[in-house]
C-alpha atoms as a PDB file:
ATOM      1  CA  UNK A   1     147.055 -61.603  75.132  1.00  0.00           C
ATOM      2  CA  UNK A   2     144.505 -64.159  74.437  1.00  0.00           C
ATOM      3  CA  UNK A   3     144.210 -66.470  77.423  1.00  0.00           C
ATOM      4  CA  UNK A   4     141.268 -68.933  77.280  1.00  0.00           C
ATOM      5  CA  UNK A   5     138.703 -69.222  80.074  1.00  0.00           C
ATOM      6  CA  UNK A   6     140.013 -72.730  80.822  1.00  0.00           C
ATOM      7  CA  UNK A   7     143.619 -71.435  81.098  1.00  0.00           C
ATOM      8  CA  UNK A   8     142.480 -68.517  83.383  1.00  0.00           C
ATOM      9  CA  UNK A   9     140.612 -71.008  85.575  1.00  0.00           C
ATOM     10  CA  UNK A  10     143.702 -73.294  85.916  1.00  0.00           C
ATOM     11  CA  UNK A  11     145.980 -70.243  86.820  1.00  0.00           C
ATOM     12  CA  UNK A  12     143.531 -68.962  89.362  1.00  0.00           C
ATOM     13  CA  UNK A  13     143.065 -72.467  90.905  1.00  0.00           C
ATOM     14  CA  UNK A  14     146.814 -72.997  91.081  1.00  0.00           C
ATOM     15  CA  UNK A  15     147.208 -69.678  92.940  1.00  0.00           C
ATOM     16  CA  UNK A  16     144.452 -70.533  95.419  1.00  0.00           C
ATOM     17  CA  UNK A  17     142.475 -67.508  94.259  1.00  0.00           C
ATOM     18  CA  UNK A  18     145.212 -65.278  95.691  1.00  0.00           C
ATOM     19  CA  UNK A  19     147.489 -62.700  94.125  1.00  0.00           C
ATOM     20  CA  UNK A  20     150.753 -64.499  93.827  1.00  0.00           C
ATOM     21  CA  UNK A  21     152.717 -61.291  94.686  1.00  0.00           C
ATOM     22  CA  UNK A  22     150.803 -59.719  97.718  1.00  0.00           C
ATOM     23  CA  UNK A  23     148.703 -62.687  98.553  1.00  0.00           C
ATOM     24  CA  UNK A  24     145.351 -60.935  98.701  1.00  0.00           C
ATOM     25  CA  UNK A  25     142.374 -63.073  98.107  1.00  0.00           C
ATOM     26  CA  UNK A  26     140.220 -62.291  95.249  1.00  0.00           C
ATOM     27  CA  UNK A  27     136.946 -63.075  96.977  1.00  0.00           C
ATOM     28  CA  UNK A  28     136.744 -59.668  98.690  1.00  0.00           C
ATOM     29  CA  UNK A  29     138.101 -57.650  95.715  1.00  0.00           C
ATOM     30  CA  UNK A  30     135.841 -55.757  93.318  1.00  0.00           C
ATOM     31  CA  UNK A  31     138.102 -55.642  90.371  1.00  0.00           C
ATOM     32  CA  UNK A  32     138.870 -58.833  88.390  1.00  0.00           C
ATOM     33  CA  UNK A  33     142.350 -60.196  88.993  1.00  0.00           C
ATOM     34  CA  UNK A  34     144.719 -60.283  86.085  1.00  0.00           C
ATOM     35  CA  UNK A  35     146.549 -63.070  84.342  1.00  0.00           C
ATOM     36  CA  UNK A  36     150.200 -61.926  84.487  1.00  0.00           C
ATOM     37  CA  UNK A  37     153.004 -62.996  82.329  1.00  0.00           C
ATOM     38  CA  UNK A  38     155.856 -63.802  84.778  1.00  0.00           C
ATOM     39  CA  UNK A  39     158.411 -63.192  81.962  1.00  0.00           C
ATOM     40  CA  UNK A  40     156.943 -60.360  80.044  1.00  0.00           C
ATOM     41  CA  UNK A  41     155.867 -61.071  76.444  1.00  0.00           C
ATOM     42  CA  UNK A  42     158.139 -58.034  75.483  1.00  0.00           C
ATOM     43  CA  UNK A  43     160.983 -59.989  76.888  1.00  0.00           C
ATOM     44  CA  UNK A  44     160.180 -63.222  75.096  1.00  0.00           C
ATOM     45  CA  UNK A  45     157.551 -64.673  77.477  1.00  0.00           C
ATOM     46  CA  UNK A  46     154.807 -66.953  76.371  1.00  0.00           C
ATOM     47  CA  UNK A  47     151.208 -67.655  77.086  1.00  0.00           C
ATOM     48  CA  UNK A  48     152.066 -71.087  78.384  1.00  0.00           C
ATOM     49  CA  UNK A  49     150.731 -72.097  81.757  1.00  0.00           C
ATOM     50  CA  UNK A  50     154.195 -72.172  83.311  1.00  0.00           C
ATOM     51  CA  UNK A  51     154.750 -68.473  82.471  1.00  0.00           C
ATOM     52  CA  UNK A  52     151.435 -67.194  83.866  1.00  0.00           C
ATOM     53  CA  UNK A  53     150.488 -66.096  87.341  1.00  0.00           C
ATOM     54  CA  UNK A  54     147.396 -64.788  89.070  1.00  0.00           C
ATOM     55  CA  UNK A  55     147.728 -61.142  90.091  1.00  0.00           C
ATOM     56  CA  UNK A  56     145.651 -58.413  91.692  1.00  0.00           C
ATOM     57  CA  UNK A  57     145.431 -55.329  89.435  1.00  0.00           C
ATOM     58  CA  UNK A  58     147.558 -53.272  91.678  1.00  0.00           C
ATOM     59  CA  UNK A  59     150.374 -55.781  91.557  1.00  0.00           C
ATOM     60  CA  UNK A  60     150.120 -56.480  87.862  1.00  0.00           C
ATOM     61  CA  UNK A  61     150.210 -52.802  87.042  1.00  0.00           C
ATOM     62  CA  UNK A  62     153.130 -52.104  89.446  1.00  0.00           C
ATOM     63  CA  UNK A  63     154.959 -55.108  87.931  1.00  0.00           C
ATOM     64  CA  UNK A  64     154.284 -54.087  84.370  1.00  0.00           C
ATOM     65  CA  UNK A  65     156.938 -55.508  82.051  1.00  0.00           C
ATOM     66  CA  UNK A  66     159.784 -55.201  84.448  1.00  0.00           C
ATOM     67  CA  UNK A  67     161.998 -58.137  85.333  1.00  0.00           C
ATOM     68  CA  UNK A  68     164.104 -56.467  87.846  1.00  0.00           C
ATOM     69  CA  UNK A  69     163.610 -53.823  90.629  1.00  0.00           C
ATOM     70  CA  UNK A  70     165.920 -51.886  92.967  1.00  0.00           C
ATOM     71  CA  UNK A  71     166.488 -53.142  96.550  1.00  0.00           C
ATOM     72  CA  UNK A  72     165.762 -50.026  98.639  1.00  0.00           C
ATOM     73  CA  UNK A  73     168.172 -51.149 101.303  1.00  0.00           C
ATOM     74  CA  UNK A  74     171.243 -51.619  99.001  1.00  0.00           C
ATOM     75  CA  UNK A  75     170.254 -49.472  95.991  1.00  0.00           C
ATOM     76  CA  UNK A  76     171.130 -52.523  93.773  1.00  0.00           C
ATOM     77  CA  UNK A  77     169.176 -54.106  90.988  1.00  0.00           C
ATOM     78  CA  UNK A  78     167.666 -57.309  91.913  1.00  0.00           C
ATOM     79  CA  UNK A  79     165.550 -59.900  89.926  1.00  0.00           C
ATOM     80  CA  UNK A  80     161.781 -59.616  90.138  1.00  0.00           C
ATOM     81  CA  UNK A  81     159.984 -62.102  92.336  1.00  0.00           C
ATOM     82  CA  UNK A  82     159.099 -65.126  90.139  1.00  0.00           C
ATOM     83  CA  UNK A  83     156.112 -67.128  91.529  1.00  0.00           C
ATOM     84  CA  UNK A  84     156.909 -70.076  89.263  1.00  0.00           C
ATOM     85  CA  UNK A  85     160.539 -70.334  90.493  1.00  0.00           C
ATOM     86  CA  UNK A  86     160.692 -68.619  93.879  1.00  0.00           C
ATOM     87  CA  UNK A  87     159.234 -69.669  97.230  1.00  0.00           C
ATOM     88  CA  UNK A  88     157.122 -66.904  98.561  1.00  0.00           C
ATOM     89  CA  UNK A  89     158.084 -67.322 102.216  1.00  0.00           C
ATOM     90  CA  UNK A  90     161.743 -67.205 101.373  1.00  0.00           C
ATOM     91  CA  UNK A  91     161.261 -63.594 100.271  1.00  0.00           C
ATOM     92  CA  UNK A  92     158.296 -62.283 102.447  1.00  0.00           C
ATOM     93  CA  UNK A  93     156.571 -62.720 105.670  1.00  0.00           C
ATOM     94  CA  UNK A  94     153.669 -60.984 107.512  1.00  0.00           C
ATOM     95  CA  UNK A  95     154.162 -59.030 110.618  1.00  0.00           C
ATOM     96  CA  UNK A  96     150.660 -58.372 111.817  1.00  0.00           C
ATOM     97  CA  UNK A  97     149.001 -56.802 108.774  1.00  0.00           C
ATOM     98  CA  UNK A  98     152.349 -55.655 107.323  1.00  0.00           C
ATOM     99  CA  UNK A  99     154.191 -57.398 104.637  1.00  0.00           C
ATOM    100  CA  UNK A 100     157.969 -57.553 105.179  1.00  0.00           C
ATOM    101  CA  UNK A 101     160.594 -58.156 102.470  1.00  0.00           C
ATOM    102  CA  UNK A 102     163.230 -60.647 103.778  1.00  0.00           C
ATOM    103  CA  UNK A 103     165.515 -60.464 100.768  1.00  0.00           C
ATOM    104  CA  UNK A 104     166.569 -57.827  98.296  1.00  0.00           C
ATOM    105  CA  UNK A 105     163.864 -59.197  95.986  1.00  0.00           C
ATOM    106  CA  UNK A 106     161.264 -59.223  98.702  1.00  0.00           C
ATOM    107  CA  UNK A 107     162.112 -55.637  99.770  1.00  0.00           C
ATOM    108  CA  UNK A 108     162.103 -54.399  96.315  1.00  0.00           C
ATOM    109  CA  UNK A 109     158.643 -55.817  95.621  1.00  0.00           C
ATOM    110  CA  UNK A 110     157.195 -54.478  98.873  1.00  0.00           C
ATOM    111  CA  UNK A 111     158.530 -50.956  98.176  1.00  0.00           C
ATOM    112  CA  UNK A 112     157.858 -50.773  94.468  1.00  0.00           C
ATOM    113  CA  UNK A 113     154.350 -52.253  94.711  1.00  0.00           C
ATOM    114  CA  UNK A 114     153.641 -50.185  97.837  1.00  0.00           C
ATOM    115  CA  UNK A 115     152.266 -53.223  99.633  1.00  0.00           C
ATOM    116  CA  UNK A 116     151.882 -51.542 103.080  1.00  0.00           C
ATOM    117  CA  UNK A 117     149.722 -48.663 102.288  1.00  0.00           C
ATOM    118  CA  UNK A 118     146.666 -48.064 104.596  1.00  0.00           C
ATOM    119  CA  UNK A 119     144.474 -49.787 101.901  1.00  0.00           C
ATOM    120  CA  UNK A 120     146.448 -53.036 102.116  1.00  0.00           C
ATOM    121  CA  UNK A 121     146.378 -53.025 105.871  1.00  0.00           C
ATOM    122  CA  UNK A 122     142.643 -52.482 105.953  1.00  0.00           C
ATOM    123  CA  UNK A 123     142.045 -55.213 103.225  1.00  0.00           C
ATOM    124  CA  UNK A 124     144.236 -57.664 105.352  1.00  0.00           C
ATOM    125  CA  UNK A 125     142.233 -56.921 108.462  1.00  0.00           C
ATOM    126  CA  UNK A 126     138.981 -57.488 106.543  1.00  0.00           C
ATOM    127  CA  UNK A 127     140.253 -60.716 105.188  1.00  0.00           C
ATOM    128  CA  UNK A 128     140.922 -61.812 108.664  1.00  0.00           C
ATOM    129  CA  UNK A 129     137.468 -61.135 109.663  1.00  0.00           C
ATOM    130  CA  UNK A 130     136.412 -63.531 106.971  1.00  0.00           C
ATOM    131  CA  UNK A 131     138.917 -66.114 107.770  1.00  0.00           C
ATOM    132  CA  UNK A 132     141.082 -65.336 104.774  1.00  0.00           C
ATOM    133  CA  UNK A 133     144.080 -63.926 106.527  1.00  0.00           C
ATOM    134  CA  UNK A 134     146.693 -64.869 107.070  1.00  0.00           C
ATOM    135  CA  UNK A 135     147.006 -67.027 104.052  1.00  0.00           C
ATOM    136  CA  UNK A 136     147.375 -70.692 105.116  1.00  0.00           C
ATOM    137  CA  UNK A 137     149.559 -71.549 102.138  1.00  0.00           C
ATOM    138  CA  UNK A 138     152.383 -68.949 102.324  1.00  0.00           C
ATOM    139  CA  UNK A 139     154.987 -71.578 103.226  1.00  0.00           C
ATOM    140  CA  UNK A 140     154.196 -73.707 100.130  1.00  0.00           C
ATOM    141  CA  UNK A 141     156.257 -73.502  97.043  1.00  0.00           C
ATOM    142  CA  UNK A 142     154.334 -72.242  94.142  1.00  0.00           C
ATOM    143  CA  UNK A 143     152.669 -74.994  92.272  1.00  0.00           C
ATOM    144  CA  UNK A 144     154.100 -75.909  88.809  1.00  0.00           C
ATOM    145  CA  UNK A 145     151.038 -77.338  87.221  1.00  0.00           C
END
């Protein structure tokens, strides 16, 4: 993957400097956030702006090249959350410092990415201290460009 600095800046800006999966803000994170291919390159995805998302390292590594996950409630395969197509708040909501999945897709992402570990709860509480939590844009549809 060869994403230019300008393309990276555009993807990061579109995401509001937040992971498009778990919504952690990049300002308090040590590791550099990744540019993720929404549709994996291995499945025919491109390096085009509309196929890229901003992801924290944990979410990007958990997503890997998968395009579906298993809903822990039903045991059925569900499509992966797609930040270019799906509205975050249709699939997820915060309850205190915990992230809840509202749909099969949301439940699958929360479970597979382990988004309610003590580390995530602590980071969300730290973000609140700095005025970064809860995200003020969680109801917005992902920008398309």
